[in-house]
Protein backbone atom coordinates (compact mmCIF):
# COMPACT_ATOMS: atom_id res chain seq x y z
CA MET A 1 94.82 91.66 100.99
CA ARG A 2 97.94 89.70 101.74
CA VAL A 3 100.01 87.73 99.20
CA VAL A 4 103.10 85.48 99.77
CA ILE A 5 105.09 85.64 96.64
CA GLN A 6 107.56 82.85 95.85
CA ARG A 7 109.82 82.88 92.84
CA VAL A 8 109.74 79.36 91.40
CA SER A 9 111.40 77.33 88.69
CA GLN A 10 108.21 75.13 88.71
CA ALA A 11 105.07 74.71 90.76
CA SER A 12 101.88 72.77 90.73
CA VAL A 13 98.68 72.29 92.69
CA THR A 14 96.76 69.04 92.97
CA VAL A 15 93.16 68.44 94.07
CA GLU A 16 91.94 64.88 94.69
CA GLU A 17 95.14 63.48 93.06
CA LYS A 18 94.69 65.48 89.88
CA ILE A 19 96.94 68.39 88.83
CA VAL A 20 94.63 71.35 88.36
CA GLY A 21 97.31 74.01 87.90
CA GLN A 22 100.99 73.86 86.84
CA ILE A 23 103.65 76.36 85.81
CA LYS A 24 107.35 76.48 84.95
CA GLN A 25 109.43 79.55 85.69
CA GLY A 26 107.47 82.32 87.43
CA LEU A 27 105.67 83.01 90.71
CA MET A 28 103.52 81.00 93.06
CA LEU A 29 101.20 83.33 94.92
CA LEU A 30 99.36 82.50 98.12
CA VAL A 31 96.51 84.91 98.20
CA GLY A 32 94.58 85.90 101.36
CA ILE A 33 91.56 88.19 101.11
CA HIS A 34 90.64 90.17 104.22
CA GLN A 35 87.02 90.96 105.14
CA GLU A 36 87.71 94.71 104.43
CA ASP A 37 89.36 94.30 101.11
CA SER A 38 88.05 95.85 97.91
CA LEU A 39 88.84 96.13 94.20
CA GLU A 40 91.36 98.82 95.06
CA ASP A 41 93.36 96.26 97.04
CA VAL A 42 93.15 93.85 94.23
CA HIS A 43 94.46 96.31 91.58
CA TYR A 44 97.16 97.66 93.76
CA LEU A 45 98.69 94.25 94.38
CA ALA A 46 98.22 92.93 90.87
CA GLN A 47 100.09 95.99 89.47
CA LYS A 48 102.89 95.75 92.15
CA ILE A 49 103.37 92.02 91.56
CA ALA A 50 103.41 92.39 87.74
CA LYS A 51 106.16 94.96 87.94
CA LEU A 52 108.15 93.47 90.90
CA ARG A 53 111.74 93.08 89.86
CA ILE A 54 112.83 89.86 91.41
CA PHE A 55 114.19 87.84 88.41
CA GLU A 56 117.84 87.88 87.56
CA ASP A 57 119.31 89.86 84.64
CA GLU A 58 122.58 89.01 82.78
CA ALA A 59 124.55 90.36 85.71
CA HIS A 60 122.73 88.04 88.19
CA LYS A 61 120.95 90.99 89.84
CA MET A 62 117.29 90.88 90.67
CA ASN A 63 116.28 93.40 88.02
CA ARG A 64 113.60 91.86 85.88
CA SER A 65 109.83 91.52 86.36
CA ILE A 66 107.73 88.48 85.58
CA GLN A 67 106.66 90.14 82.43
CA GLU A 68 110.14 90.62 81.25
CA VAL A 69 111.12 86.98 81.68
CA ASN A 70 107.77 85.76 80.19
CA GLY A 71 107.00 83.95 83.40
CA GLU A 72 103.78 82.38 84.60
CA ILE A 73 101.80 82.65 87.85
CA LEU A 74 100.22 79.92 89.95
CA SER A 75 97.66 81.61 92.16
CA ILE A 76 96.38 79.78 95.27
CA SER A 77 93.59 81.10 97.56
CA GLN A 78 94.87 80.92 101.11
CA PHE A 79 92.54 82.28 103.84
CA THR A 80 94.98 81.23 106.61
CA LEU A 81 97.16 84.24 105.77
CA HIS A 82 94.82 86.24 107.95
CA ALA A 83 95.11 83.97 110.98
CA GLU A 84 95.16 85.80 114.36
CA THR A 85 97.43 84.03 116.77
CA LYS A 86 97.62 86.54 119.74
CA LYS A 87 95.26 84.49 122.02
CA GLY A 88 95.76 80.95 122.90
CA ASN A 89 97.17 78.23 120.63
CA ARG A 90 94.36 77.84 118.08
CA PRO A 91 94.40 80.46 115.26
CA SER A 92 91.28 82.54 114.61
CA PHE A 93 90.34 83.22 111.00
CA ILE A 94 87.67 85.77 111.69
CA GLN A 95 89.45 88.41 109.69
CA ALA A 96 89.53 86.37 106.54
CA ALA A 97 86.75 87.26 104.04
CA ARG A 98 83.78 84.96 103.67
CA PRO A 99 83.53 83.24 100.35
CA GLU A 100 80.90 85.51 99.04
CA LEU A 101 83.34 88.42 99.17
CA ALA A 102 86.59 86.44 98.76
CA ILE A 103 85.70 84.50 95.63
CA PRO A 104 84.88 87.58 93.42
CA LEU A 105 87.96 89.49 94.69
CA TYR A 106 90.23 86.47 94.16
CA GLU A 107 88.91 86.05 90.60
CA ALA A 108 89.31 89.80 89.97
CA PHE A 109 92.91 89.57 91.17
CA ASN A 110 93.69 86.72 88.84
CA GLN A 111 92.03 88.59 85.94
CA ALA A 112 94.01 91.72 86.72
CA LEU A 113 97.12 89.73 86.27
CA ILE A 114 95.93 88.12 83.03
CA ASP A 115 95.05 91.59 81.81
CA GLN A 116 98.75 92.49 82.13
CA ALA A 117 99.64 89.63 79.72
CA ILE A 118 100.77 87.25 82.46
CA PRO A 119 99.54 83.62 82.07
CA VAL A 120 97.80 82.56 85.31
CA GLN A 121 96.97 79.07 86.57
CA THR A 122 94.93 78.57 89.71
CA GLY A 123 93.89 76.03 92.36
CA ILE A 124 90.28 75.48 93.28
CA PHE A 125 88.90 78.00 95.80
CA GLY A 126 88.04 76.21 99.11
CA ALA A 127 89.32 72.83 98.08
CA ASP A 128 91.87 70.77 99.93
CA MET A 129 94.91 71.45 97.79
CA LYS A 130 98.42 70.01 97.69
CA CYS A 131 101.03 72.50 96.49
CA GLU A 132 104.45 71.55 95.14
CA LEU A 133 107.11 74.08 94.17
CA VAL A 134 110.81 74.52 93.66
CA ASN A 135 111.48 77.94 95.32
CA ASP A 136 114.19 79.54 93.11
CA GLY A 137 116.79 81.42 95.19
CA PRO A 138 114.98 81.01 97.54
CA VAL A 139 113.04 84.16 97.00
CA THR A 140 109.91 84.71 99.12
CA ILE A 141 108.29 88.12 99.60
CA ILE A 142 105.18 89.07 101.58
CA MET A 143 103.04 91.93 100.43
CA ASP A 144 100.03 93.44 102.12
CA SER A 145 97.73 96.03 100.47
CA LYS A 146 97.15 97.75 103.79
CA GLN A 147 100.91 98.43 104.16
CA ARG A 148 101.63 100.91 101.37
């Protein structure tokens, strides 16, 4: 499981010209599920992200978690995070999980964050989504559950 974490001052996702998810201060997550991922990957990353200290404290040091700043999460499914680009110029997405595996794991990931008292908004799995965000910092971090 691979997640791109972006610290934001605001973010939203639109589907068919309608905002379906919107947050203020928090994290926008692009979430890619690999075909070999399991609930172990889901829980590992949800716990790491909930505790990740990337928000500023009074001394302007990245020392606070999303929980400590009462932030929100906008979680977007993103199968293209598992693109293979070694051969040719057209990416292969064969390593990305099929919807029958990806959807339950994506939903479990979002629920694992909610279970840690973090408000979570989402896009619509498989939809053509337009994402807007103001990256605060900018701070962007990539985490992969296979790289522990």
